[in-house]
Amino acid sequence: MFLPEGVTKYKPFGVELVNLEKLLDSLYQDWFTGYCEFTTGHKRTILLFEQGRIQRTFSLGEGEITFLSPDVALEECHTSGEVKGVLLPPEVVDMVVRLLFCGPLHQNLSTTFTDFKTLLKSLENDNFTGYVEVGMGSSVHYLSLAEGEPRSALYFTGEQLIKGAEALERIFYDIGVVRAFISVYPLEEVPLAETFLNLSKTLLRKYSELKGPIITSQFWKKLSLCVKGLDGVGVGTLEFGLEGLPKDIRRQEKILIPLLRCQIELFNDELGEDTTRSLYFRLLENVESPMKELFRCAVRNPHLHME
């Protein structure tokens, strides 16, 4: 995955010169959309933001992406050498988040040896659904395909974003005159709803073991109020119904993470923060990456502004 180069908000400066918590607060107040890159040697720790809230935390080293929980990322930021801030359009941030859910089918195919039109024709014949990323120096462009057909396109030069048919035309033109590197990402099934239900139901079962069924029923009534205003979430008998949940993974995330956070904070009130955190983090040990890091965001960190 290519990290887009947008407009510089902060030129690289030493981390020892800044109060990191105050920097994050400032980005939150500014509704910052983009990323902060913390660099130590060849390793880069990335905090990806949308409207001042952290969306993803991960590291890049020798082309490998490692997902980080927010608290681990914050520790790495404190010990890094330099930090810079880069502004990005929200559409590009959204695309980066989506690519982080996907494993590459093809990575860094050079147009010196790969014909772009032939590649797209092959994807069309395969009824491919997913994303195509095109890196050209500091510019990164994106295609979204459904059953082999282009559905949307983003042409991003770092300072200019073009969408739709014009974006597609410019991508084709530039590939004809500039060397590019192409990566292809199939859309993958993300067990977001399944992971949420497992965590939510297990937490409630542990609560019942501690408090008994009567108090658990009373607790469930309070927890059910968290559903108010959430799209596609129903309330059953001691569990949530997700049959009406939106199909789009980003919309699911913006519903389920805050809902689980509400449950955890009610647990804090009933069981205490230390007991709740210990219980929840033990449950997360059985969750695979990147769901583990994503659902760790359900626990508030006073120094991080999350969704």
C-alpha atoms as a PDB file:
ATOM      1  CA  MET A   1       0.000   0.000   0.000  1.00  0.00           C
ATOM      2  CA  PHE A   2       1.243   3.469  -0.901  1.00  0.00           C
ATOM      3  CA  LEU A   3       0.986   6.229   1.685  1.00  0.00           C
ATOM      4  CA  PRO A   4      -0.372   9.282  -0.193  1.00  0.00           C
ATOM      5  CA  GLU A   5       1.558  12.537  -0.037  1.00  0.00           C
ATOM      6  CA  GLY A   6      -0.872  15.386   0.587  1.00  0.00           C
ATOM      7  CA  VAL A   7      -0.404  18.988   1.626  1.00  0.00           C
ATOM      8  CA  THR A   8       2.035  19.316   4.521  1.00  0.00           C
ATOM      9  CA  LYS A   9       0.461  20.534   7.751  1.00  0.00           C
ATOM     10  CA  TYR A  10       3.588  20.025   9.866  1.00  0.00           C
ATOM     11  CA  LYS A  11       7.059  19.702   8.356  1.00  0.00           C
ATOM     12  CA  PRO A  12       9.212  17.023  10.035  1.00  0.00           C
ATOM     13  CA  PHE A  13      10.400  18.046  13.477  1.00  0.00           C
ATOM     14  CA  GLY A  14      11.821  16.271  16.508  1.00  0.00           C
ATOM     15  CA  VAL A  15       9.320  14.481  18.741  1.00  0.00           C
ATOM     16  CA  GLU A  16      11.304  15.612  21.788  1.00  0.00           C
ATOM     17  CA  LEU A  17      10.202  19.178  20.982  1.00  0.00           C
ATOM     18  CA  VAL A  18       6.470  18.501  21.270  1.00  0.00           C
ATOM     19  CA  ASN A  19       3.958  17.467  23.908  1.00  0.00           C
ATOM     20  CA  LEU A  20       2.309  14.583  22.073  1.00  0.00           C
ATOM     21  CA  GLU A  21      -0.963  14.711  23.996  1.00  0.00           C
ATOM     22  CA  LYS A  22      -1.333  18.440  23.298  1.00  0.00           C
ATOM     23  CA  LEU A  23      -0.563  17.813  19.614  1.00  0.00           C
ATOM     24  CA  LEU A  24      -3.357  15.220  19.426  1.00  0.00           C
ATOM     25  CA  ASP A  25      -5.731  17.607  21.207  1.00  0.00           C
ATOM     26  CA  SER A  26      -4.849  20.337  18.700  1.00  0.00           C
ATOM     27  CA  LEU A  27      -5.524  18.018  15.748  1.00  0.00           C
ATOM     28  CA  TYR A  28      -8.859  17.101  17.285  1.00  0.00           C
ATOM     29  CA  GLN A  29      -9.807  20.751  17.723  1.00  0.00           C
ATOM     30  CA  ASP A  30      -8.777  21.469  14.108  1.00  0.00           C
ATOM     31  CA  TRP A  31     -10.864  18.562  12.743  1.00  0.00           C
ATOM     32  CA  PHE A  32      -7.665  17.347  11.107  1.00  0.00           C
ATOM     33  CA  THR A  33      -8.100  14.853   8.256  1.00  0.00           C
ATOM     34  CA  GLY A  34      -4.928  13.137   7.087  1.00  0.00           C
ATOM     35  CA  TYR A  35      -2.142  11.380   8.939  1.00  0.00           C
ATOM     36  CA  CYS A  36       0.750  11.935  11.286  1.00  0.00           C
ATOM     37  CA  GLU A  37       3.878   9.958  10.499  1.00  0.00           C
ATOM     38  CA  PHE A  38       6.343   9.211  13.300  1.00  0.00           C
ATOM     39  CA  THR A  39       9.709   7.993  11.994  1.00  0.00           C
ATOM     40  CA  THR A  40      12.519   6.041  13.633  1.00  0.00           C
ATOM     41  CA  GLY A  41      15.129   4.754  11.203  1.00  0.00           C
ATOM     42  CA  HIS A  42      13.311   2.714   8.552  1.00  0.00           C
ATOM     43  CA  LYS A  43      10.199   2.241  10.689  1.00  0.00           C
ATOM     44  CA  ARG A  44       7.186   4.530  10.385  1.00  0.00           C
ATOM     45  CA  THR A  45       4.247   4.658  12.788  1.00  0.00           C
ATOM     46  CA  ILE A  46       1.102   6.108  11.224  1.00  0.00           C
ATOM     47  CA  LEU A  47      -1.883   7.711  12.935  1.00  0.00           C
ATOM     48  CA  LEU A  48      -4.675   8.135  10.380  1.00  0.00           C
ATOM     49  CA  PHE A  49      -7.259  10.828  11.145  1.00  0.00           C
ATOM     50  CA  GLU A  50     -10.708  11.849   9.969  1.00  0.00           C
ATOM     51  CA  GLN A  51     -12.155  15.095  11.349  1.00  0.00           C
ATOM     52  CA  GLY A  52      -9.715  15.029  14.252  1.00  0.00           C
ATOM     53  CA  ARG A  53     -10.510  11.463  15.296  1.00  0.00           C
ATOM     54  CA  ILE A  54      -8.056   8.616  14.883  1.00  0.00           C
ATOM     55  CA  GLN A  55      -9.317   5.983  12.449  1.00  0.00           C
ATOM     56  CA  ARG A  56      -6.349   3.594  12.259  1.00  0.00           C
ATOM     57  CA  THR A  57      -2.938   3.131  13.832  1.00  0.00           C
ATOM     58  CA  PHE A  58      -0.333   1.005  12.085  1.00  0.00           C
ATOM     59  CA  SER A  59       3.360   0.795  11.278  1.00  0.00           C
ATOM     60  CA  LEU A  60       5.173   0.533   7.958  1.00  0.00           C
ATOM     61  CA  GLY A  61       8.548  -1.141   7.748  1.00  0.00           C
ATOM     62  CA  GLU A  62      10.213  -2.459   4.582  1.00  0.00           C
ATOM     63  CA  GLY A  63       6.845  -2.574   2.823  1.00  0.00           C
ATOM     64  CA  GLU A  64       5.122  -4.554   5.576  1.00  0.00           C
ATOM     65  CA  ILE A  65       2.035  -3.240   7.383  1.00  0.00           C
ATOM     66  CA  THR A  66       1.633  -4.069  11.073  1.00  0.00           C
ATOM     67  CA  PHE A  67      -1.621  -3.148  12.777  1.00  0.00           C
ATOM     68  CA  LEU A  68      -1.198  -1.494  16.155  1.00  0.00           C
ATOM     69  CA  SER A  69      -3.625  -0.942  18.977  1.00  0.00           C
ATOM     70  CA  PRO A  70      -3.950   2.784  19.776  1.00  0.00           C
ATOM     71  CA  ASP A  71      -2.099   2.579  23.097  1.00  0.00           C
ATOM     72  CA  VAL A  72       0.818   0.656  21.557  1.00  0.00           C
ATOM     73  CA  ALA A  73       0.969   3.172  18.704  1.00  0.00           C
ATOM     74  CA  LEU A  74       1.088   6.025  21.211  1.00  0.00           C
ATOM     75  CA  GLU A  75       4.029   4.397  23.003  1.00  0.00           C
ATOM     76  CA  GLU A  76       5.897   4.043  19.704  1.00  0.00           C
ATOM     77  CA  CYS A  77       5.175   7.679  18.844  1.00  0.00           C
ATOM     78  CA  HIS A  78       6.713   8.807  22.139  1.00  0.00           C
ATOM     79  CA  THR A  79       9.980   7.006  21.323  1.00  0.00           C
ATOM     80  CA  SER A  80      10.204   8.008  17.649  1.00  0.00           C
ATOM     81  CA  GLY A  81      12.628  10.543  16.211  1.00  0.00           C
ATOM     82  CA  GLU A  82      10.587  12.811  13.937  1.00  0.00           C
ATOM     83  CA  VAL A  83       6.941  13.551  13.233  1.00  0.00           C
ATOM     84  CA  LYS A  84       5.228  15.189  10.284  1.00  0.00           C
ATOM     85  CA  GLY A  85       1.572  15.920   9.539  1.00  0.00           C
ATOM     86  CA  VAL A  86      -0.027  15.530   6.106  1.00  0.00           C
ATOM     87  CA  LEU A  87      -3.481  16.743   5.053  1.00  0.00           C
ATOM     88  CA  LEU A  88      -5.616  14.404   2.927  1.00  0.00           C
ATOM     89  CA  PRO A  89      -9.122  14.622   1.468  1.00  0.00           C
ATOM     90  CA  PRO A  90     -11.637  12.506   3.432  1.00  0.00           C
ATOM     91  CA  GLU A  91     -12.232  10.351   0.328  1.00  0.00           C
ATOM     92  CA  VAL A  92      -8.568   9.345   0.306  1.00  0.00           C
ATOM     93  CA  VAL A  93      -8.552   8.603   4.039  1.00  0.00           C
ATOM     94  CA  ASP A  94     -11.623   6.428   3.543  1.00  0.00           C
ATOM     95  CA  MET A  95      -9.889   4.523   0.741  1.00  0.00           C
ATOM     96  CA  VAL A  96      -6.757   3.930   2.827  1.00  0.00           C
ATOM     97  CA  VAL A  97      -8.921   2.519   5.631  1.00  0.00           C
ATOM     98  CA  ARG A  98     -10.642   0.177   3.182  1.00  0.00           C
ATOM     99  CA  LEU A  99      -7.341  -1.038   1.729  1.00  0.00           C
ATOM    100  CA  LEU A 100      -6.102  -1.866   5.223  1.00  0.00           C
ATOM    101  CA  PHE A 101      -8.889  -4.460   5.428  1.00  0.00           C
ATOM    102  CA  CYS A 102      -7.610  -6.152   2.238  1.00  0.00           C
ATOM    103  CA  GLY A 103      -4.654  -8.336   1.374  1.00  0.00           C
ATOM    104  CA  PRO A 104      -3.064  -7.671  -2.042  1.00  0.00           C
ATOM    105  CA  LEU A 105      -3.687 -10.052  -4.923  1.00  0.00           C
ATOM    106  CA  HIS A 106      -0.954  -8.283  -6.928  1.00  0.00           C
ATOM    107  CA  GLN A 107       1.482  -5.794  -5.434  1.00  0.00           C
ATOM    108  CA  ASN A 108       3.729  -3.165  -7.033  1.00  0.00           C
ATOM    109  CA  LEU A 109       3.302  -4.320 -10.628  1.00  0.00           C
ATOM    110  CA  SER A 110       5.438  -1.997 -12.750  1.00  0.00           C
ATOM    111  CA  THR A 111       3.838  -0.591 -15.892  1.00  0.00           C
ATOM    112  CA  THR A 112       7.210  -1.166 -17.513  1.00  0.00           C
ATOM    113  CA  PHE A 113       6.236  -4.837 -17.655  1.00  0.00           C
ATOM    114  CA  THR A 114       2.463  -4.738 -17.060  1.00  0.00           C
ATOM    115  CA  ASP A 115      -0.108  -3.339 -19.480  1.00  0.00           C
ATOM    116  CA  PHE A 116      -2.761  -1.547 -17.433  1.00  0.00           C
ATOM    117  CA  LYS A 117      -5.600  -2.093 -19.904  1.00  0.00           C
ATOM    118  CA  THR A 118      -4.787  -5.802 -20.169  1.00  0.00           C
ATOM    119  CA  LEU A 119      -4.788  -6.075 -16.382  1.00  0.00           C
ATOM    120  CA  LEU A 120      -8.199  -4.399 -16.127  1.00  0.00           C
ATOM    121  CA  LYS A 121      -9.551  -6.660 -18.875  1.00  0.00           C
ATOM    122  CA  SER A 122      -8.354  -9.693 -16.929  1.00  0.00           C
ATOM    123  CA  LEU A 123     -10.075  -8.398 -13.781  1.00  0.00           C
ATOM    124  CA  GLU A 124     -13.244  -7.821 -15.792  1.00  0.00           C
ATOM    125  CA  ASN A 125     -13.167 -11.405 -17.095  1.00  0.00           C
ATOM    126  CA  ASP A 126     -12.733 -12.650 -13.521  1.00  0.00           C
ATOM    127  CA  ASN A 127     -15.713 -10.557 -12.289  1.00  0.00           C
ATOM    128  CA  PHE A 128     -13.292  -9.022  -9.819  1.00  0.00           C
ATOM    129  CA  THR A 129     -14.646  -6.943  -6.934  1.00  0.00           C
ATOM    130  CA  GLY A 130     -12.190  -4.809  -5.018  1.00  0.00           C
ATOM    131  CA  TYR A 131      -9.715  -1.993  -5.483  1.00  0.00           C
ATOM    132  CA  VAL A 132      -6.853  -1.042  -7.786  1.00  0.00           C
ATOM    133  CA  GLU A 133      -4.186   1.296  -6.417  1.00  0.00           C
ATOM    134  CA  VAL A 134      -1.904   3.172  -8.812  1.00  0.00           C
ATOM    135  CA  GLY A 135       1.220   4.834  -7.433  1.00  0.00           C
ATOM    136  CA  MET A 136       3.056   7.445  -9.527  1.00  0.00           C
ATOM    137  CA  GLY A 137       5.781   9.101  -7.505  1.00  0.00           C
ATOM    138  CA  SER A 138       4.039  11.202  -4.860  1.00  0.00           C
ATOM    139  CA  SER A 139       0.632  10.741  -6.549  1.00  0.00           C
ATOM    140  CA  VAL A 140      -1.683   7.845  -5.683  1.00  0.00           C
ATOM    141  CA  HIS A 141      -4.863   7.029  -7.604  1.00  0.00           C
ATOM    142  CA  TYR A 142      -7.625   4.512  -6.905  1.00  0.00           C
ATOM    143  CA  LEU A 143     -10.225   2.497  -8.792  1.00  0.00           C
ATOM    144  CA  SER A 144     -13.125   0.654  -7.175  1.00  0.00           C
ATOM    145  CA  LEU A 145     -14.414  -2.303  -9.191  1.00  0.00           C
ATOM    146  CA  ALA A 146     -17.581  -4.378  -8.787  1.00  0.00           C
ATOM    147  CA  GLU A 147     -17.841  -7.596 -10.796  1.00  0.00           C
ATOM    148  CA  GLY A 148     -15.078  -6.353 -13.053  1.00  0.00           C
ATOM    149  CA  GLU A 149     -16.633  -2.967 -13.835  1.00  0.00           C
ATOM    150  CA  PRO A 150     -15.279   0.386 -12.564  1.00  0.00           C
ATOM    151  CA  ARG A 151     -17.678   1.902 -10.034  1.00  0.00           C
ATOM    152  CA  SER A 152     -15.667   4.900  -8.854  1.00  0.00           C
ATOM    153  CA  ALA A 153     -12.263   6.498  -9.310  1.00  0.00           C
ATOM    154  CA  LEU A 154     -10.061   8.908  -7.365  1.00  0.00           C
ATOM    155  CA  TYR A 155      -7.205  10.795  -9.009  1.00  0.00           C
ATOM    156  CA  PHE A 156      -5.049  12.358  -6.289  1.00  0.00           C
ATOM    157  CA  THR A 157      -1.868  14.335  -6.930  1.00  0.00           C
ATOM    158  CA  GLY A 158      -1.261  15.453  -3.351  1.00  0.00           C
ATOM    159  CA  GLU A 159      -2.792  18.878  -3.931  1.00  0.00           C
ATOM    160  CA  GLN A 160      -5.684  18.054  -6.265  1.00  0.00           C
ATOM    161  CA  LEU A 161      -8.443  15.447  -6.022  1.00  0.00           C
ATOM    162  CA  ILE A 162     -10.560  14.542  -9.050  1.00  0.00           C
ATOM    163  CA  LYS A 163     -13.385  12.013  -8.896  1.00  0.00           C
ATOM    164  CA  GLY A 164     -15.518  10.030 -11.312  1.00  0.00           C
ATOM    165  CA  ALA A 165     -15.145   9.731 -15.083  1.00  0.00           C
ATOM    166  CA  GLU A 166     -12.573  12.521 -15.352  1.00  0.00           C
ATOM    167  CA  ALA A 167     -10.431  10.800 -12.724  1.00  0.00           C
ATOM    168  CA  LEU A 168     -10.537   7.569 -14.725  1.00  0.00           C
ATOM    169  CA  GLU A 169      -9.529   9.393 -17.906  1.00  0.00           C
ATOM    170  CA  ARG A 170      -6.573  11.067 -16.193  1.00  0.00           C
ATOM    171  CA  ILE A 171      -5.365   7.797 -14.693  1.00  0.00           C
ATOM    172  CA  PHE A 172      -5.364   6.163 -18.137  1.00  0.00           C
ATOM    173  CA  TYR A 173      -3.577   9.153 -19.656  1.00  0.00           C
ATOM    174  CA  ASP A 174      -0.870   9.375 -16.974  1.00  0.00           C
ATOM    175  CA  ILE A 175      -0.154   5.648 -17.097  1.00  0.00           C
ATOM    176  CA  GLY A 176       0.611   6.107 -20.789  1.00  0.00           C
ATOM    177  CA  VAL A 177       3.343   8.662 -20.111  1.00  0.00           C
ATOM    178  CA  VAL A 178       4.568   8.044 -16.540  1.00  0.00           C
ATOM    179  CA  ARG A 179       5.883   4.861 -14.973  1.00  0.00           C
ATOM    180  CA  ALA A 180       3.482   3.586 -12.333  1.00  0.00           C
ATOM    181  CA  PHE A 181       3.220   0.767  -9.809  1.00  0.00           C
ATOM    182  CA  ILE A 182      -0.080  -1.065  -9.515  1.00  0.00           C
ATOM    183  CA  SER A 183      -1.499  -3.057  -6.615  1.00  0.00           C
ATOM    184  CA  VAL A 184      -4.756  -5.023  -6.724  1.00  0.00           C
ATOM    185  CA  TYR A 185      -6.818  -5.708  -3.599  1.00  0.00           C
ATOM    186  CA  PRO A 186      -9.794  -8.093  -3.657  1.00  0.00           C
ATOM    187  CA  LEU A 187     -12.660  -7.104  -1.391  1.00  0.00           C
ATOM    188  CA  GLU A 188     -12.526  -9.426   1.608  1.00  0.00           C
ATOM    189  CA  GLU A 189     -15.188 -10.541   4.025  1.00  0.00           C
ATOM    190  CA  VAL A 190     -14.547  -8.700   7.279  1.00  0.00           C
ATOM    191  CA  PRO A 191     -16.021 -10.390  10.386  1.00  0.00           C
ATOM    192  CA  LEU A 192     -16.896  -7.093  12.042  1.00  0.00           C
ATOM    193  CA  ALA A 193     -20.480  -7.954  13.015  1.00  0.00           C
ATOM    194  CA  GLU A 194     -19.528 -11.485  14.085  1.00  0.00           C
ATOM    195  CA  THR A 195     -16.686 -10.206  16.273  1.00  0.00           C
ATOM    196  CA  PHE A 196     -18.933  -7.569  17.824  1.00  0.00           C
ATOM    197  CA  LEU A 197     -21.625 -10.106  18.715  1.00  0.00           C
ATOM    198  CA  ASN A 198     -19.111 -12.530  20.231  1.00  0.00           C
ATOM    199  CA  LEU A 199     -17.543  -9.821  22.394  1.00  0.00           C
ATOM    200  CA  SER A 200     -20.864  -8.278  23.418  1.00  0.00           C
ATOM    201  CA  LYS A 201     -22.522 -11.589  24.327  1.00  0.00           C
ATOM    202  CA  THR A 202     -19.465 -12.887  26.184  1.00  0.00           C
ATOM    203  CA  LEU A 203     -19.222  -9.692  28.220  1.00  0.00           C
ATOM    204  CA  LEU A 204     -22.889  -9.967  29.118  1.00  0.00           C
ATOM    205  CA  ARG A 205     -22.509 -13.627  30.071  1.00  0.00           C
ATOM    206  CA  LYS A 206     -19.580 -12.772  32.357  1.00  0.00           C
ATOM    207  CA  TYR A 207     -21.677 -10.020  33.899  1.00  0.00           C
ATOM    208  CA  SER A 208     -24.490 -12.502  34.560  1.00  0.00           C
ATOM    209  CA  GLU A 209     -22.070 -14.890  36.252  1.00  0.00           C
ATOM    210  CA  LEU A 210     -21.024 -12.090  38.604  1.00  0.00           C
ATOM    211  CA  LYS A 211     -24.381 -10.400  39.221  1.00  0.00           C
ATOM    212  CA  GLY A 212     -27.062 -12.998  38.536  1.00  0.00           C
ATOM    213  CA  PRO A 213     -29.938 -13.060  36.010  1.00  0.00           C
ATOM    214  CA  ILE A 214     -32.223 -10.478  37.647  1.00  0.00           C
ATOM    215  CA  ILE A 215     -29.619  -7.716  37.845  1.00  0.00           C
ATOM    216  CA  THR A 216     -28.418  -8.685  34.362  1.00  0.00           C
ATOM    217  CA  SER A 217     -31.922  -8.101  32.973  1.00  0.00           C
ATOM    218  CA  GLN A 218     -31.968  -4.678  34.603  1.00  0.00           C
ATOM    219  CA  PHE A 219     -28.536  -3.933  33.154  1.00  0.00           C
ATOM    220  CA  TRP A 220     -29.715  -5.011  29.692  1.00  0.00           C
ATOM    221  CA  LYS A 221     -32.516  -2.458  29.797  1.00  0.00           C
ATOM    222  CA  LYS A 222     -29.967   0.301  30.334  1.00  0.00           C
ATOM    223  CA  LEU A 223     -27.688  -1.107  27.657  1.00  0.00           C
ATOM    224  CA  SER A 224     -30.567  -1.265  25.170  1.00  0.00           C
ATOM    225  CA  LEU A 225     -30.865   2.520  25.343  1.00  0.00           C
ATOM    226  CA  CYS A 226     -27.480   2.750  23.578  1.00  0.00           C
ATOM    227  CA  VAL A 227     -29.163   1.470  20.410  1.00  0.00           C
ATOM    228  CA  LYS A 228     -31.341   4.560  20.064  1.00  0.00           C
ATOM    229  CA  GLY A 229     -30.588   6.290  16.768  1.00  0.00           C
ATOM    230  CA  LEU A 230     -28.288   3.544  15.456  1.00  0.00           C
ATOM    231  CA  ASP A 231     -29.068   2.333  11.946  1.00  0.00           C
ATOM    232  CA  GLY A 232     -29.832  -1.370  11.542  1.00  0.00           C
ATOM    233  CA  VAL A 233     -29.412  -2.524  15.159  1.00  0.00           C
ATOM    234  CA  GLY A 234     -32.259  -4.278  16.949  1.00  0.00           C
ATOM    235  CA  VAL A 235     -32.711  -5.357  20.559  1.00  0.00           C
ATOM    236  CA  GLY A 236     -33.491  -8.984  21.384  1.00  0.00           C
ATOM    237  CA  THR A 237     -33.378 -10.994  24.597  1.00  0.00           C
ATOM    238  CA  LEU A 238     -29.966 -10.199  26.064  1.00  0.00           C
ATOM    239  CA  GLU A 239     -28.397  -9.737  22.642  1.00  0.00           C
ATOM    240  CA  PHE A 240     -28.404  -7.283  19.758  1.00  0.00           C
ATOM    241  CA  GLY A 241     -29.902  -8.067  16.372  1.00  0.00           C
ATOM    242  CA  LEU A 242     -27.798  -7.016  13.400  1.00  0.00           C
ATOM    243  CA  GLU A 243     -29.915  -8.306  10.513  1.00  0.00           C
ATOM    244  CA  GLY A 244     -30.593  -4.758   9.302  1.00  0.00           C
ATOM    245  CA  LEU A 245     -26.985  -3.601   9.596  1.00  0.00           C
ATOM    246  CA  PRO A 246     -25.685  -1.705   6.526  1.00  0.00           C
ATOM    247  CA  LYS A 247     -23.541  -3.815   4.192  1.00  0.00           C
ATOM    248  CA  ASP A 248     -20.801  -1.206   3.908  1.00  0.00           C
ATOM    249  CA  ILE A 249     -17.977  -2.062   6.298  1.00  0.00           C
ATOM    250  CA  ARG A 250     -17.176   1.553   7.158  1.00  0.00           C
ATOM    251  CA  ARG A 251     -20.776   2.250   8.130  1.00  0.00           C
ATOM    252  CA  GLN A 252     -20.790  -0.917  10.233  1.00  0.00           C
ATOM    253  CA  GLU A 253     -17.665   0.226  12.030  1.00  0.00           C
ATOM    254  CA  LYS A 254     -19.152   3.630  12.876  1.00  0.00           C
ATOM    255  CA  ILE A 255     -22.151   1.862  14.435  1.00  0.00           C
ATOM    256  CA  LEU A 256     -20.656  -1.136  16.229  1.00  0.00           C
ATOM    257  CA  ILE A 257     -17.537   0.344  17.837  1.00  0.00           C
ATOM    258  CA  PRO A 258     -19.479   3.141  19.633  1.00  0.00           C
ATOM    259  CA  LEU A 259     -22.144   0.609  20.673  1.00  0.00           C
ATOM    260  CA  LEU A 260     -19.568  -1.705  22.228  1.00  0.00           C
ATOM    261  CA  ARG A 261     -17.910   1.314  23.856  1.00  0.00           C
ATOM    262  CA  CYS A 262     -21.257   2.177  25.440  1.00  0.00           C
ATOM    263  CA  GLN A 263     -21.486  -1.359  26.837  1.00  0.00           C
ATOM    264  CA  ILE A 264     -17.950  -1.185  28.218  1.00  0.00           C
ATOM    265  CA  GLU A 265     -18.568   2.166  29.901  1.00  0.00           C
ATOM    266  CA  LEU A 266     -21.720   0.822  31.548  1.00  0.00           C
ATOM    267  CA  PHE A 267     -19.597  -2.092  32.746  1.00  0.00           C
ATOM    268  CA  ASN A 268     -17.137   0.425  34.177  1.00  0.00           C
ATOM    269  CA  ASP A 269     -19.944   1.944  36.245  1.00  0.00           C
ATOM    270  CA  GLU A 270     -21.101  -1.456  37.509  1.00  0.00           C
ATOM    271  CA  LEU A 271     -17.883  -3.464  37.880  1.00  0.00           C
ATOM    272  CA  GLY A 272     -15.144  -0.843  37.992  1.00  0.00           C
ATOM    273  CA  GLU A 273     -12.751   0.189  35.256  1.00  0.00           C
ATOM    274  CA  ASP A 274      -9.897  -2.157  36.216  1.00  0.00           C
ATOM    275  CA  THR A 275     -12.124  -5.251  36.283  1.00  0.00           C
ATOM    276  CA  THR A 276     -13.786  -4.306  33.011  1.00  0.00           C
ATOM    277  CA  ARG A 277     -10.528  -3.620  31.175  1.00  0.00           C
ATOM    278  CA  SER A 278      -8.958  -6.837  32.430  1.00  0.00           C
ATOM    279  CA  LEU A 279     -11.974  -8.868  31.327  1.00  0.00           C
ATOM    280  CA  TYR A 280     -12.266  -7.207  27.938  1.00  0.00           C
ATOM    281  CA  PHE A 281      -8.572  -7.409  27.078  1.00  0.00           C
ATOM    282  CA  ARG A 282      -8.568 -11.126  27.928  1.00  0.00           C
ATOM    283  CA  LEU A 283     -11.408 -11.596  25.448  1.00  0.00           C
ATOM    284  CA  LEU A 284      -9.453  -9.711  22.787  1.00  0.00           C
ATOM    285  CA  GLU A 285      -6.565 -12.178  23.096  1.00  0.00           C
ATOM    286  CA  ASN A 286      -8.665 -14.652  21.095  1.00  0.00           C
ATOM    287  CA  VAL A 287      -9.474 -12.133  18.340  1.00  0.00           C
ATOM    288  CA  GLU A 288      -7.301 -12.047  15.224  1.00  0.00           C
ATOM    289  CA  SER A 289      -5.718  -8.952  13.675  1.00  0.00           C
ATOM    290  CA  PRO A 290      -6.925  -6.496  12.436  1.00  0.00           C
ATOM    291  CA  MET A 291     -10.185  -7.006  14.369  1.00  0.00           C
ATOM    292  CA  LYS A 292      -8.223  -7.143  17.632  1.00  0.00           C
ATOM    293  CA  GLU A 293      -6.710  -3.684  17.130  1.00  0.00           C
ATOM    294  CA  LEU A 294      -9.964  -2.250  15.814  1.00  0.00           C
ATOM    295  CA  PHE A 295     -12.058  -3.407  18.765  1.00  0.00           C
ATOM    296  CA  ARG A 296      -9.435  -2.285  21.245  1.00  0.00           C
ATOM    297  CA  CYS A 297     -10.589   1.194  20.219  1.00  0.00           C
ATOM    298  CA  ALA A 298     -13.811   0.501  22.118  1.00  0.00           C
ATOM    299  CA  VAL A 299     -11.863   1.214  25.323  1.00  0.00           C
ATOM    300  CA  ARG A 300     -11.355   4.932  25.742  1.00  0.00           C
ATOM    301  CA  ASN A 301      -7.853   6.341  26.069  1.00  0.00           C
ATOM    302  CA  PRO A 302      -7.859   9.854  27.578  1.00  0.00           C
ATOM    303  CA  HIS A 303      -4.976  10.860  25.296  1.00  0.00           C
ATOM    304  CA  LEU A 304      -6.524   9.598  22.045  1.00  0.00           C
ATOM    305  CA  HIS A 305      -9.610  10.877  20.263  1.00  0.00           C
ATOM    306  CA  MET A 306     -11.272   7.870  18.645  1.00  0.00           C
ATOM    307  CA  GLU A 307     -14.601   7.276  16.924  1.00  0.00           C
END
